C-alpha atoms as a PDB file:
ATOM      1  CA  UNK A   1     145.371   0.557 111.056  1.00  0.00           C
ATOM      2  CA  UNK A   2     144.389  -2.381 113.271  1.00  0.00           C
ATOM      3  CA  UNK A   3     140.844  -3.699 113.327  1.00  0.00           C
ATOM      4  CA  UNK A   4     138.717  -2.851 116.285  1.00  0.00           C
ATOM      5  CA  UNK A   5     137.917  -5.637 118.713  1.00  0.00           C
ATOM      6  CA  UNK A   6     134.224  -5.421 117.823  1.00  0.00           C
ATOM      7  CA  UNK A   7     134.929  -5.895 114.110  1.00  0.00           C
ATOM      8  CA  UNK A   8     137.277  -8.759 114.728  1.00  0.00           C
ATOM      9  CA  UNK A   9     134.651 -10.537 116.797  1.00  0.00           C
ATOM     10  CA  UNK A  10     132.010 -10.429 114.080  1.00  0.00           C
ATOM     11  CA  UNK A  11     133.912 -12.366 111.446  1.00  0.00           C
ATOM     12  CA  UNK A  12     133.937 -15.717 113.215  1.00  0.00           C
ATOM     13  CA  UNK A  13     130.154 -15.517 113.664  1.00  0.00           C
ATOM     14  CA  UNK A  14     129.639 -15.064 109.928  1.00  0.00           C
ATOM     15  CA  UNK A  15     132.005 -17.944 109.300  1.00  0.00           C
ATOM     16  CA  UNK A  16     130.057 -20.147 111.700  1.00  0.00           C
ATOM     17  CA  UNK A  17     126.785 -19.340 109.946  1.00  0.00           C
ATOM     18  CA  UNK A  18     127.969 -20.847 106.690  1.00  0.00           C
ATOM     19  CA  UNK A  19     128.314 -24.414 108.008  1.00  0.00           C
ATOM     20  CA  UNK A  20     124.819 -24.160 109.550  1.00  0.00           C
ATOM     21  CA  UNK A  21     123.356 -23.153 106.213  1.00  0.00           C
ATOM     22  CA  UNK A  22     125.237 -26.015 104.600  1.00  0.00           C
ATOM     23  CA  UNK A  23     123.765 -28.421 107.181  1.00  0.00           C
ATOM     24  CA  UNK A  24     120.250 -27.182 106.444  1.00  0.00           C
ATOM     25  CA  UNK A  25     120.523 -28.145 102.767  1.00  0.00           C
ATOM     26  CA  UNK A  26     120.832 -31.904 103.381  1.00  0.00           C
ATOM     27  CA  UNK A  27     117.811 -31.752 105.715  1.00  0.00           C
ATOM     28  CA  UNK A  28     115.746 -30.069 103.010  1.00  0.00           C
ATOM     29  CA  UNK A  29     116.954 -32.667 100.545  1.00  0.00           C
ATOM     30  CA  UNK A  30     115.890 -35.437 102.932  1.00  0.00           C
ATOM     31  CA  UNK A  31     112.367 -33.969 103.191  1.00  0.00           C
ATOM     32  CA  UNK A  32     111.783 -34.251  99.443  1.00  0.00           C
ATOM     33  CA  UNK A  33     112.009 -38.066  99.296  1.00  0.00           C
ATOM     34  CA  UNK A  34     109.592 -38.300 102.243  1.00  0.00           C
ATOM     35  CA  UNK A  35     107.045 -36.128 100.474  1.00  0.00           C
ATOM     36  CA  UNK A  36     107.551 -38.060  97.271  1.00  0.00           C
ATOM     37  CA  UNK A  37     107.082 -41.342  99.142  1.00  0.00           C
ATOM     38  CA  UNK A  38     103.619 -40.342 100.438  1.00  0.00           C
ATOM     39  CA  UNK A  39     101.174 -43.094  99.565  1.00  0.00           C
ATOM     40  CA  UNK A  40      98.472 -42.374  97.017  1.00  0.00           C
ATOM     41  CA  UNK A  41      95.530 -44.519  95.935  1.00  0.00           C
ATOM     42  CA  UNK A  42      93.442 -44.951  92.835  1.00  0.00           C
ATOM     43  CA  UNK A  43      89.670 -45.150  92.955  1.00  0.00           C
ATOM     44  CA  UNK A  44      89.849 -48.855  92.116  1.00  0.00           C
ATOM     45  CA  UNK A  45      92.202 -49.556  95.009  1.00  0.00           C
ATOM     46  CA  UNK A  46      89.945 -47.779  97.514  1.00  0.00           C
ATOM     47  CA  UNK A  47      86.846 -49.477  96.132  1.00  0.00           C
ATOM     48  CA  UNK A  48      88.497 -52.883  96.555  1.00  0.00           C
ATOM     49  CA  UNK A  49      89.842 -52.141 100.033  1.00  0.00           C
ATOM     50  CA  UNK A  50      86.541 -50.907 101.484  1.00  0.00           C
ATOM     51  CA  UNK A  51      84.262 -53.151  99.397  1.00  0.00           C
ATOM     52  CA  UNK A  52      82.341 -50.298  97.774  1.00  0.00           C
ATOM     53  CA  UNK A  53      81.724 -49.369  94.167  1.00  0.00           C
ATOM     54  CA  UNK A  54      83.643 -46.615  92.355  1.00  0.00           C
ATOM     55  CA  UNK A  55      80.268 -44.995  91.763  1.00  0.00           C
ATOM     56  CA  UNK A  56      79.752 -44.670  95.535  1.00  0.00           C
ATOM     57  CA  UNK A  57      83.170 -43.048  95.925  1.00  0.00           C
ATOM     58  CA  UNK A  58      82.377 -40.570  93.157  1.00  0.00           C
ATOM     59  CA  UNK A  59      79.094 -39.767  94.924  1.00  0.00           C
ATOM     60  CA  UNK A  60      80.947 -38.966  98.152  1.00  0.00           C
ATOM     61  CA  UNK A  61      83.190 -36.722  96.096  1.00  0.00           C
ATOM     62  CA  UNK A  62      80.186 -34.927  94.578  1.00  0.00           C
ATOM     63  CA  UNK A  63      78.717 -34.140  98.006  1.00  0.00           C
ATOM     64  CA  UNK A  64      82.031 -32.772  99.279  1.00  0.00           C
ATOM     65  CA  UNK A  65      83.165 -35.598 101.535  1.00  0.00           C
ATOM     66  CA  UNK A  66      86.192 -36.429  99.373  1.00  0.00           C
ATOM     67  CA  UNK A  67      88.528 -34.084  97.523  1.00  0.00           C
ATOM     68  CA  UNK A  68      90.892 -36.139  95.354  1.00  0.00           C
ATOM     69  CA  UNK A  69      93.557 -34.615  93.176  1.00  0.00           C
ATOM     70  CA  UNK A  70      93.440 -34.902  89.410  1.00  0.00           C
ATOM     71  CA  UNK A  71      96.304 -36.249  87.337  1.00  0.00           C
ATOM     72  CA  UNK A  72      95.094 -35.933  83.794  1.00  0.00           C
ATOM     73  CA  UNK A  73      91.733 -37.677  83.744  1.00  0.00           C
ATOM     74  CA  UNK A  74      92.509 -39.896  86.717  1.00  0.00           C
ATOM     75  CA  UNK A  75      91.593 -39.331  90.363  1.00  0.00           C
ATOM     76  CA  UNK A  76      94.410 -39.672  92.879  1.00  0.00           C
ATOM     77  CA  UNK A  77      93.474 -40.101  96.544  1.00  0.00           C
ATOM     78  CA  UNK A  78      95.895 -39.252  99.337  1.00  0.00           C
ATOM     79  CA  UNK A  79      96.081 -40.831 102.783  1.00  0.00           C
ATOM     80  CA  UNK A  80      93.849 -37.993 104.006  1.00  0.00           C
ATOM     81  CA  UNK A  81      91.153 -38.897 101.494  1.00  0.00           C
ATOM     82  CA  UNK A  82      91.421 -42.554 102.450  1.00  0.00           C
ATOM     83  CA  UNK A  83      90.791 -41.655 106.093  1.00  0.00           C
ATOM     84  CA  UNK A  84      87.857 -39.451 105.120  1.00  0.00           C
ATOM     85  CA  UNK A  85      86.345 -42.318 103.135  1.00  0.00           C
ATOM     86  CA  UNK A  86      86.818 -44.634 106.111  1.00  0.00           C
ATOM     87  CA  UNK A  87      85.015 -42.169 108.400  1.00  0.00           C
ATOM     88  CA  UNK A  88      82.239 -41.739 105.830  1.00  0.00           C
ATOM     89  CA  UNK A  89      81.599 -45.482 105.628  1.00  0.00           C
ATOM     90  CA  UNK A  90      81.731 -45.773 109.411  1.00  0.00           C
ATOM     91  CA  UNK A  91      79.091 -43.068 109.745  1.00  0.00           C
ATOM     92  CA  UNK A  92      76.950 -44.838 107.178  1.00  0.00           C
ATOM     93  CA  UNK A  93      77.136 -48.098 109.143  1.00  0.00           C
ATOM     94  CA  UNK A  94      76.010 -46.191 112.241  1.00  0.00           C
ATOM     95  CA  UNK A  95      72.991 -44.965 110.316  1.00  0.00           C
ATOM     96  CA  UNK A  96      73.992 -41.309 110.400  1.00  0.00           C
ATOM     97  CA  UNK A  97      72.574 -38.852 107.934  1.00  0.00           C
ATOM     98  CA  UNK A  98      74.714 -37.267 105.238  1.00  0.00           C
ATOM     99  CA  UNK A  99      74.933 -34.012 107.193  1.00  0.00           C
ATOM    100  CA  UNK A 100      76.001 -35.862 110.342  1.00  0.00           C
ATOM    101  CA  UNK A 101      78.662 -37.727 108.368  1.00  0.00           C
ATOM    102  CA  UNK A 102      79.982 -34.400 107.084  1.00  0.00           C
ATOM    103  CA  UNK A 103      80.218 -33.219 110.671  1.00  0.00           C
ATOM    104  CA  UNK A 104      82.231 -36.306 111.569  1.00  0.00           C
ATOM    105  CA  UNK A 105      84.593 -35.848 108.617  1.00  0.00           C
ATOM    106  CA  UNK A 106      85.121 -32.135 109.334  1.00  0.00           C
ATOM    107  CA  UNK A 107      86.065 -32.989 112.910  1.00  0.00           C
ATOM    108  CA  UNK A 108      88.939 -34.998 111.488  1.00  0.00           C
ATOM    109  CA  UNK A 109      90.088 -32.059 109.369  1.00  0.00           C
ATOM    110  CA  UNK A 110      90.062 -29.470 112.179  1.00  0.00           C
ATOM    111  CA  UNK A 111      91.600 -30.968 115.318  1.00  0.00           C
ATOM    112  CA  UNK A 112      92.756 -27.582 116.715  1.00  0.00           C
ATOM    113  CA  UNK A 113      89.400 -26.515 118.176  1.00  0.00           C
ATOM    114  CA  UNK A 114      87.233 -29.613 118.446  1.00  0.00           C
ATOM    115  CA  UNK A 115      85.518 -29.120 121.826  1.00  0.00           C
ATOM    116  CA  UNK A 116      82.310 -27.566 120.404  1.00  0.00           C
ATOM    117  CA  UNK A 117      82.277 -30.030 117.529  1.00  0.00           C
ATOM    118  CA  UNK A 118      82.782 -32.970 119.886  1.00  0.00           C
ATOM    119  CA  UNK A 119      79.919 -31.837 122.098  1.00  0.00           C
ATOM    120  CA  UNK A 120      77.610 -31.409 119.112  1.00  0.00           C
ATOM    121  CA  UNK A 121      78.568 -34.762 117.641  1.00  0.00           C
ATOM    122  CA  UNK A 122      78.193 -36.449 121.037  1.00  0.00           C
ATOM    123  CA  UNK A 123      74.615 -35.168 121.202  1.00  0.00           C
ATOM    124  CA  UNK A 124      74.001 -36.607 117.729  1.00  0.00           C
ATOM    125  CA  UNK A 125      75.343 -40.007 118.783  1.00  0.00           C
ATOM    126  CA  UNK A 126      73.234 -40.079 121.950  1.00  0.00           C
ATOM    127  CA  UNK A 127      70.068 -39.218 120.039  1.00  0.00           C
ATOM    128  CA  UNK A 128      70.900 -41.898 117.491  1.00  0.00           C
ATOM    129  CA  UNK A 129      71.514 -44.450 120.248  1.00  0.00           C
ATOM    130  CA  UNK A 130      68.109 -43.695 121.778  1.00  0.00           C
ATOM    131  CA  UNK A 131      66.428 -44.159 118.412  1.00  0.00           C
ATOM    132  CA  UNK A 132      68.130 -47.522 117.855  1.00  0.00           C
ATOM    133  CA  UNK A 133      67.188 -48.695 121.364  1.00  0.00           C
ATOM    134  CA  UNK A 134      63.523 -47.917 120.634  1.00  0.00           C
ATOM    135  CA  UNK A 135      63.744 -49.813 117.358  1.00  0.00           C
ATOM    136  CA  UNK A 136      65.370 -52.724 119.166  1.00  0.00           C
ATOM    137  CA  UNK A 137      62.501 -52.863 121.671  1.00  0.00           C
ATOM    138  CA  UNK A 138      59.968 -52.858 118.827  1.00  0.00           C
ATOM    139  CA  UNK A 139      61.856 -55.709 117.166  1.00  0.00           C
ATOM    140  CA  UNK A 140      61.876 -57.704 120.417  1.00  0.00           C
ATOM    141  CA  UNK A 141      58.084 -57.343 120.851  1.00  0.00           C
ATOM    142  CA  UNK A 142      57.513 -58.304 117.207  1.00  0.00           C
ATOM    143  CA  UNK A 143      59.656 -61.431 117.580  1.00  0.00           C
ATOM    144  CA  UNK A 144      57.664 -62.498 120.649  1.00  0.00           C
ATOM    145  CA  UNK A 145      54.388 -62.123 118.738  1.00  0.00           C
ATOM    146  CA  UNK A 146      55.770 -64.135 115.830  1.00  0.00           C
ATOM    147  CA  UNK A 147      56.824 -66.921 118.212  1.00  0.00           C
ATOM    148  CA  UNK A 148      53.307 -67.062 119.691  1.00  0.00           C
ATOM    149  CA  UNK A 149      51.662 -67.316 116.275  1.00  0.00           C
ATOM    150  CA  UNK A 150      54.131 -70.012 115.208  1.00  0.00           C
ATOM    151  CA  UNK A 151      53.341 -72.098 118.295  1.00  0.00           C
ATOM    152  CA  UNK A 152      49.560 -71.778 117.735  1.00  0.00           C
ATOM    153  CA  UNK A 153      49.868 -72.806 114.076  1.00  0.00           C
ATOM    154  CA  UNK A 154      51.947 -75.841 115.019  1.00  0.00           C
ATOM    155  CA  UNK A 155      49.328 -76.947 117.592  1.00  0.00           C
ATOM    156  CA  UNK A 156      46.504 -76.587 115.067  1.00  0.00           C
ATOM    157  CA  UNK A 157      48.422 -78.541 112.431  1.00  0.00           C
ATOM    158  CA  UNK A 158      49.155 -81.312 114.902  1.00  0.00           C
ATOM    159  CA  UNK A 159      45.471 -81.581 115.887  1.00  0.00           C
ATOM    160  CA  UNK A 160      44.263 -81.629 112.271  1.00  0.00           C
ATOM    161  CA  UNK A 161      46.766 -84.188 111.007  1.00  0.00           C
ATOM    162  CA  UNK A 162      45.322 -87.778 110.509  1.00  0.00           C
ATOM    163  CA  UNK A 163      46.618 -90.373 112.968  1.00  0.00           C
ATOM    164  CA  UNK A 164      48.964 -92.820 111.312  1.00  0.00           C
ATOM    165  CA  UNK A 165      48.074 -96.547 111.875  1.00  0.00           C
ATOM    166  CA  UNK A 166      50.452 -98.540 114.021  1.00  0.00           C
ATOM    167  CA  UNK A 167      51.274-102.275 114.289  1.00  0.00           C
ATOM    168  CA  UNK A 168      49.022-102.584 117.364  1.00  0.00           C
ATOM    169  CA  UNK A 169      46.050-101.257 115.375  1.00  0.00           C
ATOM    170  CA  UNK A 170      46.555-103.949 112.696  1.00  0.00           C
ATOM    171  CA  UNK A 171      46.712-106.821 115.241  1.00  0.00           C
ATOM    172  CA  UNK A 172      43.671-105.800 117.322  1.00  0.00           C
ATOM    173  CA  UNK A 173      40.331-107.518 116.332  1.00  0.00           C
ATOM    174  CA  UNK A 174      37.558-105.319 115.111  1.00  0.00           C
ATOM    175  CA  UNK A 175      34.713-104.933 117.586  1.00  0.00           C
ATOM    176  CA  UNK A 176      31.281-105.886 116.131  1.00  0.00           C
ATOM    177  CA  UNK A 177      28.773-103.119 115.740  1.00  0.00           C
ATOM    178  CA  UNK A 178      24.941-103.058 115.428  1.00  0.00           C
ATOM    179  CA  UNK A 179      25.309-102.694 111.664  1.00  0.00           C
ATOM    180  CA  UNK A 180      27.327-105.898 111.508  1.00  0.00           C
ATOM    181  CA  UNK A 181      24.527-107.857 113.327  1.00  0.00           C
ATOM    182  CA  UNK A 182      21.754-106.605 111.041  1.00  0.00           C
ATOM    183  CA  UNK A 183      23.597-107.110 107.792  1.00  0.00           C
ATOM    184  CA  UNK A 184      22.872-110.412 105.911  1.00  0.00           C
ATOM    185  CA  UNK A 185      25.761-112.760 105.586  1.00  0.00           C
ATOM    186  CA  UNK A 186      27.187-112.905 102.090  1.00  0.00           C
ATOM    187  CA  UNK A 187      27.114-116.439 100.594  1.00  0.00           C
ATOM    188  CA  UNK A 188      30.403-118.164 100.053  1.00  0.00           C
ATOM    189  CA  UNK A 189      31.554-120.985  97.775  1.00  0.00           C
ATOM    190  CA  UNK A 190      31.309-123.528 100.637  1.00  0.00           C
ATOM    191  CA  UNK A 191      27.675-122.559 101.263  1.00  0.00           C
ATOM    192  CA  UNK A 192      26.815-123.266  97.607  1.00  0.00           C
ATOM    193  CA  UNK A 193      28.254-126.857  97.634  1.00  0.00           C
ATOM    194  CA  UNK A 194      26.961-127.924 101.080  1.00  0.00           C
ATOM    195  CA  UNK A 195      23.806-130.274 100.798  1.00  0.00           C
ATOM    196  CA  UNK A 196      20.494-129.307 102.394  1.00  0.00           C
ATOM    197  CA  UNK A 197      19.962-131.401 105.564  1.00  0.00           C
ATOM    198  CA  UNK A 198      16.200-132.270 105.069  1.00  0.00           C
ATOM    199  CA  UNK A 199      16.777-133.136 101.431  1.00  0.00           C
ATOM    200  CA  UNK A 200      19.539-135.517 102.398  1.00  0.00           C
ATOM    201  CA  UNK A 201      17.242-137.367 104.915  1.00  0.00           C
ATOM    202  CA  UNK A 202      14.472-137.893 102.313  1.00  0.00           C
ATOM    203  CA  UNK A 203      16.932-139.295  99.884  1.00  0.00           C
ATOM    204  CA  UNK A 204      18.116-141.821 102.482  1.00  0.00           C
ATOM    205  CA  UNK A 205      14.529-143.156 103.169  1.00  0.00           C
ATOM    206  CA  UNK A 206      13.910-143.911  99.526  1.00  0.00           C
END
């Protein structure tokens, strides 16, 4: 009994499916080395890279910003955790609070529906910018006041400082004063040896 045309047509399709399944195996085998080659980091490596202490990294882990894997007693950080640490430190430099930093990190983890999160975080950034601008204005006014006080102190010090004598002061004769005229002249050695004029005349007559 001959096979029906429909039955005969099905066999080649089943035969074609086998090579496709065989092709899928090498692709799955190629994916394993890629997953195995994913970079991981130790806590010491991250601390050195971002110039923070391991204690700070452990603190970020305690508050839920980092979620490293455990291999025995060691922490192993993936590329995802490295990025989360980078965002955390960036938020800290911006002066964000811990809750605001968490919001920034969670935005990285959920990119599928970020419009509401972006709007909320944008409002946080604008409020923070306004606060920093006010602080900057206060700092500018304070610096101006400091400059004024510095200038006043320098003027007072210059007025109170004694005037240093110059070469012209040493060469100029001293002007006589009323005290100099009234003061008796101090005797000198030449005055003591000079003869009295009237006594000399009497001695000549004799």
